[in-house]
Amino acid sequence: MSSSLPLIKTHEHPAPAPVTIGVPQGSILGPLAFIVFINDLPKTGKYSDVHMYADDTVVFFSSDNPDTTKDRLNSDLDAINT
């Protein structure tokens, strides 16, 4: 039996590249690793509300000023990304 690696292909990487982050699919500990991986996600946003159900996540913020909305959402998305 040969080992296999998950690969990803995107516009930035037209050739398949190994996946180096995230939770491995199909593993016995995958569901637990997923929960640990996303457990603090709702706490990362400074301005936005984060709502999660199963593997769906919504990040939202409301303001009368579109620039404020854009800036604060981008700030929180950057915090989630790091």
C-alpha atoms as a PDB file:
ATOM      1  CA  MET A   1       0.000   0.000   0.000  1.00  0.00           C
ATOM      2  CA  SER A   2       1.402   3.403  -0.929  1.00  0.00           C
ATOM      3  CA  SER A   3       0.971   6.506   1.156  1.00  0.00           C
ATOM      4  CA  SER A   4      -1.007   9.392  -0.250  1.00  0.00           C
ATOM      5  CA  LEU A   5      -0.926  13.086   0.524  1.00  0.00           C
ATOM      6  CA  PRO A   6      -3.742  15.620   0.159  1.00  0.00           C
ATOM      7  CA  LEU A   7      -3.034  18.130  -2.611  1.00  0.00           C
ATOM      8  CA  ILE A   8      -4.533  21.489  -3.522  1.00  0.00           C
ATOM      9  CA  LYS A   9      -4.638  23.289  -6.860  1.00  0.00           C
ATOM     10  CA  THR A  10      -5.472  27.026  -6.984  1.00  0.00           C
ATOM     11  CA  HIS A  11      -5.090  29.942  -9.358  1.00  0.00           C
ATOM     12  CA  GLU A  12      -1.899  30.963  -7.549  1.00  0.00           C
ATOM     13  CA  HIS A  13      -0.528  27.420  -7.705  1.00  0.00           C
ATOM     14  CA  PRO A  14      -1.562  25.802 -11.001  1.00  0.00           C
ATOM     15  CA  ALA A  15       0.380  22.636 -10.140  1.00  0.00           C
ATOM     16  CA  PRO A  16      -0.821  20.519  -7.200  1.00  0.00           C
ATOM     17  CA  ALA A  17       0.882  21.385  -3.904  1.00  0.00           C
ATOM     18  CA  PRO A  18       0.786  19.556  -0.565  1.00  0.00           C
ATOM     19  CA  VAL A  19      -1.654  20.816   2.070  1.00  0.00           C
ATOM     20  CA  THR A  20       0.369  21.980   5.086  1.00  0.00           C
ATOM     21  CA  ILE A  21      -2.369  23.380   7.344  1.00  0.00           C
ATOM     22  CA  GLY A  22      -5.757  22.292   8.608  1.00  0.00           C
ATOM     23  CA  VAL A  23      -7.144  18.996   9.838  1.00  0.00           C
ATOM     24  CA  PRO A  24      -6.404  15.738   7.998  1.00  0.00           C
ATOM     25  CA  GLN A  25      -9.517  14.198   6.495  1.00  0.00           C
ATOM     26  CA  GLY A  26     -10.450  10.630   7.265  1.00  0.00           C
ATOM     27  CA  SER A  27      -8.368  10.303  10.410  1.00  0.00           C
ATOM     28  CA  ILE A  28      -9.776   8.877  13.620  1.00  0.00           C
ATOM     29  CA  LEU A  29      -8.849  12.009  15.551  1.00  0.00           C
ATOM     30  CA  GLY A  30     -10.010  14.334  12.730  1.00  0.00           C
ATOM     31  CA  PRO A  31     -13.278  15.428  14.394  1.00  0.00           C
ATOM     32  CA  LEU A  32     -11.505  16.162  17.696  1.00  0.00           C
ATOM     33  CA  ALA A  33      -8.691  18.015  15.915  1.00  0.00           C
ATOM     34  CA  PHE A  34     -11.287  20.053  14.013  1.00  0.00           C
ATOM     35  CA  ILE A  35     -13.001  21.095  17.270  1.00  0.00           C
ATOM     36  CA  VAL A  36      -9.674  22.042  18.865  1.00  0.00           C
ATOM     37  CA  PHE A  37      -8.636  23.887  15.691  1.00  0.00           C
ATOM     38  CA  ILE A  38     -11.761  26.093  15.583  1.00  0.00           C
ATOM     39  CA  ASN A  39     -12.618  26.265  19.299  1.00  0.00           C
ATOM     40  CA  ASP A  40     -11.340  29.836  19.798  1.00  0.00           C
ATOM     41  CA  LEU A  41     -12.575  31.189  16.471  1.00  0.00           C
ATOM     42  CA  PRO A  42     -15.552  33.113  17.941  1.00  0.00           C
ATOM     43  CA  LYS A  43     -13.169  34.894  20.350  1.00  0.00           C
ATOM     44  CA  THR A  44     -10.769  36.194  17.684  1.00  0.00           C
ATOM     45  CA  GLY A  45     -12.946  39.015  16.352  1.00  0.00           C
ATOM     46  CA  LYS A  46     -12.582  42.372  18.062  1.00  0.00           C
ATOM     47  CA  TYR A  47     -15.493  44.059  16.271  1.00  0.00           C
ATOM     48  CA  SER A  48     -17.464  41.298  14.555  1.00  0.00           C
ATOM     49  CA  ASP A  49     -19.863  38.662  15.772  1.00  0.00           C
ATOM     50  CA  VAL A  50     -18.919  35.116  14.842  1.00  0.00           C
ATOM     51  CA  HIS A  51     -21.617  32.467  14.733  1.00  0.00           C
ATOM     52  CA  MET A  52     -20.824  28.827  14.105  1.00  0.00           C
ATOM     53  CA  TYR A  53     -22.913  25.740  13.502  1.00  0.00           C
ATOM     54  CA  ALA A  54     -21.204  22.459  12.666  1.00  0.00           C
ATOM     55  CA  ASP A  55     -18.671  23.401   9.970  1.00  0.00           C
ATOM     56  CA  ASP A  56     -20.410  26.634   8.865  1.00  0.00           C
ATOM     57  CA  THR A  57     -19.160  29.992  10.114  1.00  0.00           C
ATOM     58  CA  VAL A  58     -20.583  33.490   9.671  1.00  0.00           C
ATOM     59  CA  VAL A  59     -18.620  36.633  10.521  1.00  0.00           C
ATOM     60  CA  PHE A  60     -20.661  39.823  10.483  1.00  0.00           C
ATOM     61  CA  PHE A  61     -20.565  43.453  11.542  1.00  0.00           C
ATOM     62  CA  SER A  62     -23.083  46.223  10.978  1.00  0.00           C
ATOM     63  CA  SER A  63     -22.527  49.961  10.678  1.00  0.00           C
ATOM     64  CA  ASP A  64     -24.082  52.954   8.925  1.00  0.00           C
ATOM     65  CA  ASN A  65     -20.671  53.780   7.462  1.00  0.00           C
ATOM     66  CA  PRO A  66     -19.548  51.371   4.680  1.00  0.00           C
ATOM     67  CA  ASP A  67     -15.880  52.260   5.206  1.00  0.00           C
ATOM     68  CA  THR A  68     -16.105  51.435   8.903  1.00  0.00           C
ATOM     69  CA  THR A  69     -17.806  48.143   8.081  1.00  0.00           C
ATOM     70  CA  LYS A  70     -15.113  47.246   5.546  1.00  0.00           C
ATOM     71  CA  ASP A  71     -12.220  48.228   7.827  1.00  0.00           C
ATOM     72  CA  ARG A  72     -13.538  46.391  10.884  1.00  0.00           C
ATOM     73  CA  LEU A  73     -14.483  43.246   8.991  1.00  0.00           C
ATOM     74  CA  ASN A  74     -11.062  43.168   7.323  1.00  0.00           C
ATOM     75  CA  SER A  75      -9.374  43.682  10.687  1.00  0.00           C
ATOM     76  CA  ASP A  76     -11.247  40.757  12.210  1.00  0.00           C
ATOM     77  CA  LEU A  77     -10.682  38.540   9.164  1.00  0.00           C
ATOM     78  CA  ASP A  78      -6.947  39.294   9.405  1.00  0.00           C
ATOM     79  CA  ALA A  79      -7.054  38.307  13.100  1.00  0.00           C
ATOM     80  CA  ILE A  80      -8.778  35.032  12.191  1.00  0.00           C
ATOM     81  CA  ASN A  81      -6.216  34.367   9.463  1.00  0.00           C
ATOM     82  CA  THR A  82      -3.238  34.649  11.833  1.00  0.00           C
END
